[in-house]
Amino acid sequence: MDIKEEFEARIKRIEGFIEDRGLFSEKLKKAKRAQRNINATIFLGSVITIAGIAIWALNRD
């Protein structure tokens, strides 16, 4: 492992520590959860919309 990879690994470890135990870590976790829920909602809404358009196009005749 060269110095650059070791340095990057240490930085990632420190970032992970701060993310888990640092200031506002609970707010960060809530924000990540909210973003995941928003993404899932948008995805499901898109799938339902596309399915609706497909059904409408097939039954239009």
C-alpha atoms as a PDB file:
ATOM      1  CA  MET A   1       0.000   0.000   0.000  1.00  0.00           C
ATOM      2  CA  ASP A   2       1.535   3.281  -0.986  1.00  0.00           C
ATOM      3  CA  ILE A   3       1.402   6.484   1.036  1.00  0.00           C
ATOM      4  CA  LYS A   4      -1.459   8.026  -0.944  1.00  0.00           C
ATOM      5  CA  GLU A   5      -3.753   5.012  -0.401  1.00  0.00           C
ATOM      6  CA  GLU A   6      -2.872   4.886   3.296  1.00  0.00           C
ATOM      7  CA  PHE A   7      -3.587   8.603   3.650  1.00  0.00           C
ATOM      8  CA  GLU A   8      -6.959   8.257   1.885  1.00  0.00           C
ATOM      9  CA  ALA A   9      -7.868   5.302   4.108  1.00  0.00           C
ATOM     10  CA  ARG A  10      -7.076   7.306   7.237  1.00  0.00           C
ATOM     11  CA  ILE A  11      -9.124  10.257   6.003  1.00  0.00           C
ATOM     12  CA  LYS A  12     -12.084   7.980   5.297  1.00  0.00           C
ATOM     13  CA  ARG A  13     -11.782   6.481   8.798  1.00  0.00           C
ATOM     14  CA  ILE A  14     -11.751   9.953  10.358  1.00  0.00           C
ATOM     15  CA  GLU A  15     -14.731  11.044   8.248  1.00  0.00           C
ATOM     16  CA  GLY A  16     -16.623   7.920   9.301  1.00  0.00           C
ATOM     17  CA  PHE A  17     -15.848   8.603  12.960  1.00  0.00           C
ATOM     18  CA  ILE A  18     -17.059  12.192  12.674  1.00  0.00           C
ATOM     19  CA  GLU A  19     -20.170  11.054  10.813  1.00  0.00           C
ATOM     20  CA  ASP A  20     -21.009   8.503  13.515  1.00  0.00           C
ATOM     21  CA  ARG A  21     -20.115  10.460  16.656  1.00  0.00           C
ATOM     22  CA  GLY A  22     -19.591  14.061  15.630  1.00  0.00           C
ATOM     23  CA  LEU A  23     -21.744  17.116  15.988  1.00  0.00           C
ATOM     24  CA  PHE A  24     -25.153  16.802  14.379  1.00  0.00           C
ATOM     25  CA  SER A  25     -24.623  13.115  13.586  1.00  0.00           C
ATOM     26  CA  GLU A  26     -28.257  12.384  14.481  1.00  0.00           C
ATOM     27  CA  LYS A  27     -29.456  15.109  12.115  1.00  0.00           C
ATOM     28  CA  LEU A  28     -27.248  13.695   9.382  1.00  0.00           C
ATOM     29  CA  LYS A  29     -28.742  10.229   9.872  1.00  0.00           C
ATOM     30  CA  LYS A  30     -32.268  11.676   9.746  1.00  0.00           C
ATOM     31  CA  ALA A  31     -31.422  13.632   6.605  1.00  0.00           C
ATOM     32  CA  LYS A  32     -30.037  10.509   4.905  1.00  0.00           C
ATOM     33  CA  ARG A  33     -33.162   8.562   5.860  1.00  0.00           C
ATOM     34  CA  ALA A  34     -35.411  11.345   4.567  1.00  0.00           C
ATOM     35  CA  GLN A  35     -33.470  11.538   1.296  1.00  0.00           C
ATOM     36  CA  ARG A  36     -33.770   7.762   0.853  1.00  0.00           C
ATOM     37  CA  ASN A  37     -37.530   7.958   1.418  1.00  0.00           C
ATOM     38  CA  ILE A  38     -37.884  10.834  -1.041  1.00  0.00           C
ATOM     39  CA  ASN A  39     -35.892   8.939  -3.673  1.00  0.00           C
ATOM     40  CA  ALA A  40     -38.044   5.834  -3.190  1.00  0.00           C
ATOM     41  CA  THR A  41     -41.226   7.897  -3.469  1.00  0.00           C
ATOM     42  CA  ILE A  42     -40.066   9.583  -6.672  1.00  0.00           C
ATOM     43  CA  PHE A  43     -39.041   6.233  -8.152  1.00  0.00           C
ATOM     44  CA  LEU A  44     -42.377   4.588  -7.337  1.00  0.00           C
ATOM     45  CA  GLY A  45     -44.293   7.603  -8.623  1.00  0.00           C
ATOM     46  CA  SER A  46     -42.362   7.439 -11.897  1.00  0.00           C
ATOM     47  CA  VAL A  47     -43.038   3.714 -12.293  1.00  0.00           C
ATOM     48  CA  ILE A  48     -46.760   4.215 -11.645  1.00  0.00           C
ATOM     49  CA  THR A  49     -46.891   7.133 -14.097  1.00  0.00           C
ATOM     50  CA  ILE A  50     -45.123   5.169 -16.836  1.00  0.00           C
ATOM     51  CA  ALA A  51     -47.402   2.166 -16.251  1.00  0.00           C
ATOM     52  CA  GLY A  52     -50.450   4.436 -16.410  1.00  0.00           C
ATOM     53  CA  ILE A  53     -49.319   5.996 -19.679  1.00  0.00           C
ATOM     54  CA  ALA A  54     -48.615   2.550 -21.140  1.00  0.00           C
ATOM     55  CA  ILE A  55     -52.064   1.257 -20.144  1.00  0.00           C
ATOM     56  CA  TRP A  56     -53.725   4.386 -21.508  1.00  0.00           C
ATOM     57  CA  ALA A  57     -51.816   4.077 -24.813  1.00  0.00           C
ATOM     58  CA  LEU A  58     -52.749   0.393 -25.190  1.00  0.00           C
ATOM     59  CA  ASN A  59     -56.447   0.972 -24.427  1.00  0.00           C
ATOM     60  CA  ARG A  60     -56.723   4.106 -26.564  1.00  0.00           C
ATOM     61  CA  ASP A  61     -57.630   2.158 -29.691  1.00  0.00           C
END
